[in-house]
Amino acid sequence: MANTEGMEGGCLCGVVRYRVVGKPSFQTICHCGNCRRATGAQSVAWVTFLTTEFSIVKGEVAHYHSETQATWSFCRHCGTTLTYENAQRPNDVDVTVGSLDDSEAFPPNKDVCEDEKLSWVHGVTPNI
């Protein structure tokens, strides 16, 4: 796993910027229907940090709270999905890998919610 000494990321329009520090606990691709609908993609690459290792450094995010105890944060201007949090994991925040300035830093090494994977999507091939 990569170690971040202060990696940043943000939304498409640049209104929101965030910072992560520390080592991630998970690097996944999620195939669930909720993540697909929240991002408009067939699956989403996430990297998980402790909530204490994530901070918004510019702008403000909007939140969507779902009936599944999940909360997505996104830019209210351009709509970029930035994070996912779940009440069942109160100390974790999942960050969209695509919103990181260096999206290559945390390649996914595990598929999650594979039972919801679309039939035409192939699994992760670890690059280890």
C-alpha atoms as a PDB file:
ATOM      1  CA  MET A   1       0.000   0.000   0.000  1.00  0.00           C
ATOM      2  CA  ALA A   2       1.155   3.476  -0.801  1.00  0.00           C
ATOM      3  CA  ASN A   3       1.819   5.921   1.997  1.00  0.00           C
ATOM      4  CA  THR A   4       0.581   9.455   1.561  1.00  0.00           C
ATOM      5  CA  GLU A   5       2.452  12.321   3.095  1.00  0.00           C
ATOM      6  CA  GLY A   6      -0.307  14.707   2.176  1.00  0.00           C
ATOM      7  CA  MET A   7      -1.900  13.723  -1.112  1.00  0.00           C
ATOM      8  CA  GLU A   8      -4.627  15.987  -2.451  1.00  0.00           C
ATOM      9  CA  GLY A   9      -7.575  15.641  -4.724  1.00  0.00           C
ATOM     10  CA  GLY A  10     -10.703  17.445  -5.726  1.00  0.00           C
ATOM     11  CA  CYS A  11     -13.666  17.826  -8.002  1.00  0.00           C
ATOM     12  CA  LEU A  12     -13.833  18.432 -11.746  1.00  0.00           C
ATOM     13  CA  CYS A  13     -14.472  22.181 -11.498  1.00  0.00           C
ATOM     14  CA  GLY A  14     -11.858  22.792  -8.772  1.00  0.00           C
ATOM     15  CA  VAL A  15     -14.242  24.351  -6.242  1.00  0.00           C
ATOM     16  CA  VAL A  16     -13.646  21.525  -3.728  1.00  0.00           C
ATOM     17  CA  ARG A  17     -10.202  20.311  -2.692  1.00  0.00           C
ATOM     18  CA  TYR A  18      -9.347  17.727  -0.035  1.00  0.00           C
ATOM     19  CA  ARG A  19      -6.282  16.204   1.572  1.00  0.00           C
ATOM     20  CA  VAL A  20      -5.548  12.669   2.805  1.00  0.00           C
ATOM     21  CA  VAL A  21      -2.618  11.521   4.926  1.00  0.00           C
ATOM     22  CA  GLY A  22      -1.498   8.154   6.245  1.00  0.00           C
ATOM     23  CA  LYS A  23      -1.853   4.669   4.836  1.00  0.00           C
ATOM     24  CA  PRO A  24      -5.120   3.469   3.341  1.00  0.00           C
ATOM     25  CA  SER A  25      -6.810   0.442   4.836  1.00  0.00           C
ATOM     26  CA  PHE A  26      -8.553  -0.719   1.642  1.00  0.00           C
ATOM     27  CA  GLN A  27      -8.211  -0.233  -2.123  1.00  0.00           C
ATOM     28  CA  THR A  28     -11.303  -1.606  -3.829  1.00  0.00           C
ATOM     29  CA  ILE A  29     -13.630  -1.515  -6.775  1.00  0.00           C
ATOM     30  CA  CYS A  30     -17.285  -1.531  -5.730  1.00  0.00           C
ATOM     31  CA  HIS A  31     -19.895  -2.966  -8.063  1.00  0.00           C
ATOM     32  CA  CYS A  32     -23.028  -2.204  -6.022  1.00  0.00           C
ATOM     33  CA  GLY A  33     -26.018  -0.569  -7.622  1.00  0.00           C
ATOM     34  CA  ASN A  34     -25.970   2.351  -5.188  1.00  0.00           C
ATOM     35  CA  CYS A  35     -22.394   3.295  -6.087  1.00  0.00           C
ATOM     36  CA  ARG A  36     -23.218   2.940  -9.783  1.00  0.00           C
ATOM     37  CA  ARG A  37     -26.148   5.327  -9.466  1.00  0.00           C
ATOM     38  CA  ALA A  38     -24.255   7.781  -7.214  1.00  0.00           C
ATOM     39  CA  THR A  39     -21.434   8.139  -9.752  1.00  0.00           C
ATOM     40  CA  GLY A  40     -22.974   7.200 -13.074  1.00  0.00           C
ATOM     41  CA  ALA A  41     -20.253   4.599 -13.656  1.00  0.00           C
ATOM     42  CA  GLN A  42     -20.372   0.805 -14.009  1.00  0.00           C
ATOM     43  CA  SER A  43     -18.218   0.489 -10.866  1.00  0.00           C
ATOM     44  CA  VAL A  44     -16.242   2.779  -8.585  1.00  0.00           C
ATOM     45  CA  ALA A  45     -12.647   2.590  -7.392  1.00  0.00           C
ATOM     46  CA  TRP A  46     -12.369   3.584  -3.714  1.00  0.00           C
ATOM     47  CA  VAL A  47      -9.460   4.024  -1.323  1.00  0.00           C
ATOM     48  CA  THR A  48     -10.301   3.957   2.389  1.00  0.00           C
ATOM     49  CA  PHE A  49      -8.729   6.167   5.059  1.00  0.00           C
ATOM     50  CA  LEU A  50      -9.520   6.887   8.680  1.00  0.00           C
ATOM     51  CA  THR A  51     -11.877   9.865   8.920  1.00  0.00           C
ATOM     52  CA  THR A  52      -9.195  11.665  10.934  1.00  0.00           C
ATOM     53  CA  GLU A  53      -6.867  11.389   7.909  1.00  0.00           C
ATOM     54  CA  PHE A  54      -9.252  13.175   5.521  1.00  0.00           C
ATOM     55  CA  SER A  55     -10.016  16.889   5.406  1.00  0.00           C
ATOM     56  CA  ILE A  56     -11.654  19.371   3.064  1.00  0.00           C
ATOM     57  CA  VAL A  57      -9.133  22.151   2.439  1.00  0.00           C
ATOM     58  CA  LYS A  58     -11.129  24.279  -0.009  1.00  0.00           C
ATOM     59  CA  GLY A  59     -14.818  24.725  -0.703  1.00  0.00           C
ATOM     60  CA  GLU A  60     -17.803  22.939   0.759  1.00  0.00           C
ATOM     61  CA  VAL A  61     -19.326  19.608  -0.156  1.00  0.00           C
ATOM     62  CA  ALA A  62     -22.966  18.642  -0.328  1.00  0.00           C
ATOM     63  CA  HIS A  63     -24.168  15.337   1.126  1.00  0.00           C
ATOM     64  CA  TYR A  64     -26.680  12.719   0.124  1.00  0.00           C
ATOM     65  CA  HIS A  65     -27.860  10.372   2.897  1.00  0.00           C
ATOM     66  CA  SER A  66     -29.410   7.119   1.687  1.00  0.00           C
ATOM     67  CA  GLU A  67     -31.774   4.685   3.365  1.00  0.00           C
ATOM     68  CA  THR A  68     -28.861   2.212   3.556  1.00  0.00           C
ATOM     69  CA  GLN A  69     -27.011   4.294   6.204  1.00  0.00           C
ATOM     70  CA  ALA A  70     -24.638   5.584   3.540  1.00  0.00           C
ATOM     71  CA  THR A  71     -23.596   9.161   2.912  1.00  0.00           C
ATOM     72  CA  TRP A  72     -21.986  10.364  -0.285  1.00  0.00           C
ATOM     73  CA  SER A  73     -20.284  13.745  -0.520  1.00  0.00           C
ATOM     74  CA  PHE A  74     -20.080  15.600  -3.789  1.00  0.00           C
ATOM     75  CA  CYS A  75     -19.356  19.019  -5.237  1.00  0.00           C
ATOM     76  CA  ARG A  76     -22.555  21.049  -5.353  1.00  0.00           C
ATOM     77  CA  HIS A  77     -21.268  22.883  -8.450  1.00  0.00           C
ATOM     78  CA  CYS A  78     -20.085  20.138 -10.812  1.00  0.00           C
ATOM     79  CA  GLY A  79     -21.518  17.029  -9.122  1.00  0.00           C
ATOM     80  CA  THR A  80     -18.268  15.069  -8.730  1.00  0.00           C
ATOM     81  CA  THR A  81     -18.683  12.288  -6.159  1.00  0.00           C
ATOM     82  CA  LEU A  82     -15.804  12.564  -3.681  1.00  0.00           C
ATOM     83  CA  THR A  83     -16.463  10.317  -0.677  1.00  0.00           C
ATOM     84  CA  TYR A  84     -18.631   7.573   0.765  1.00  0.00           C
ATOM     85  CA  GLU A  85     -19.241   6.950   4.462  1.00  0.00           C
ATOM     86  CA  ASN A  86     -21.354   4.289   6.140  1.00  0.00           C
ATOM     87  CA  ALA A  87     -22.706   4.233   9.706  1.00  0.00           C
ATOM     88  CA  GLN A  88     -21.472   0.629  10.020  1.00  0.00           C
ATOM     89  CA  ARG A  89     -17.876   1.881   9.588  1.00  0.00           C
ATOM     90  CA  PRO A  90     -17.948   5.200  11.500  1.00  0.00           C
ATOM     91  CA  ASN A  91     -14.166   5.682  11.514  1.00  0.00           C
ATOM     92  CA  ASP A  92     -13.654   5.184   7.757  1.00  0.00           C
ATOM     93  CA  VAL A  93     -14.083   7.390   4.730  1.00  0.00           C
ATOM     94  CA  ASP A  94     -13.872   5.984   1.211  1.00  0.00           C
ATOM     95  CA  VAL A  95     -12.417   8.417  -1.320  1.00  0.00           C
ATOM     96  CA  THR A  96     -13.022   8.091  -5.065  1.00  0.00           C
ATOM     97  CA  VAL A  97      -9.685   7.168  -6.608  1.00  0.00           C
ATOM     98  CA  GLY A  98     -10.564   9.132  -9.742  1.00  0.00           C
ATOM     99  CA  SER A  99     -10.791  12.377  -7.751  1.00  0.00           C
ATOM    100  CA  LEU A 100      -7.221  12.094  -6.438  1.00  0.00           C
ATOM    101  CA  ASP A 101      -4.578  14.252  -8.121  1.00  0.00           C
ATOM    102  CA  ASP A 102      -2.552  11.040  -8.519  1.00  0.00           C
ATOM    103  CA  SER A 103      -5.145   8.387  -9.351  1.00  0.00           C
ATOM    104  CA  GLU A 104      -2.328   5.896 -10.014  1.00  0.00           C
ATOM    105  CA  ALA A 105      -1.204   5.927  -6.368  1.00  0.00           C
ATOM    106  CA  PHE A 106      -3.807   3.457  -5.072  1.00  0.00           C
ATOM    107  CA  PRO A 107      -4.648   0.744  -7.611  1.00  0.00           C
ATOM    108  CA  PRO A 108      -7.584  -1.390  -6.506  1.00  0.00           C
ATOM    109  CA  ASN A 109      -6.649  -4.872  -5.305  1.00  0.00           C
ATOM    110  CA  LYS A 110     -10.079  -6.224  -4.376  1.00  0.00           C
ATOM    111  CA  ASP A 111     -13.572  -6.303  -5.856  1.00  0.00           C
ATOM    112  CA  VAL A 112     -16.531  -5.780  -3.487  1.00  0.00           C
ATOM    113  CA  CYS A 113     -20.240  -6.423  -4.037  1.00  0.00           C
ATOM    114  CA  GLU A 114     -19.368  -8.767  -6.869  1.00  0.00           C
ATOM    115  CA  ASP A 115     -22.866 -10.256  -6.732  1.00  0.00           C
ATOM    116  CA  GLU A 116     -24.127  -6.931  -8.152  1.00  0.00           C
ATOM    117  CA  LYS A 117     -21.470  -6.665 -10.863  1.00  0.00           C
ATOM    118  CA  LEU A 118     -22.816  -6.001 -14.339  1.00  0.00           C
ATOM    119  CA  SER A 119     -22.392  -9.008 -16.618  1.00  0.00           C
ATOM    120  CA  TRP A 120     -20.082  -7.162 -19.013  1.00  0.00           C
ATOM    121  CA  VAL A 121     -17.637  -5.906 -16.334  1.00  0.00           C
ATOM    122  CA  HIS A 122     -14.456  -7.904 -15.723  1.00  0.00           C
ATOM    123  CA  GLY A 123     -12.853  -8.189 -12.266  1.00  0.00           C
ATOM    124  CA  VAL A 124      -9.726  -6.603 -10.870  1.00  0.00           C
ATOM    125  CA  THR A 125      -6.411  -8.019 -11.942  1.00  0.00           C
ATOM    126  CA  PRO A 126      -4.015  -7.186  -9.106  1.00  0.00           C
ATOM    127  CA  ASN A 127      -0.906  -5.417 -10.345  1.00  0.00           C
ATOM    128  CA  ILE A 128       1.289  -6.580  -7.492  1.00  0.00           C
END
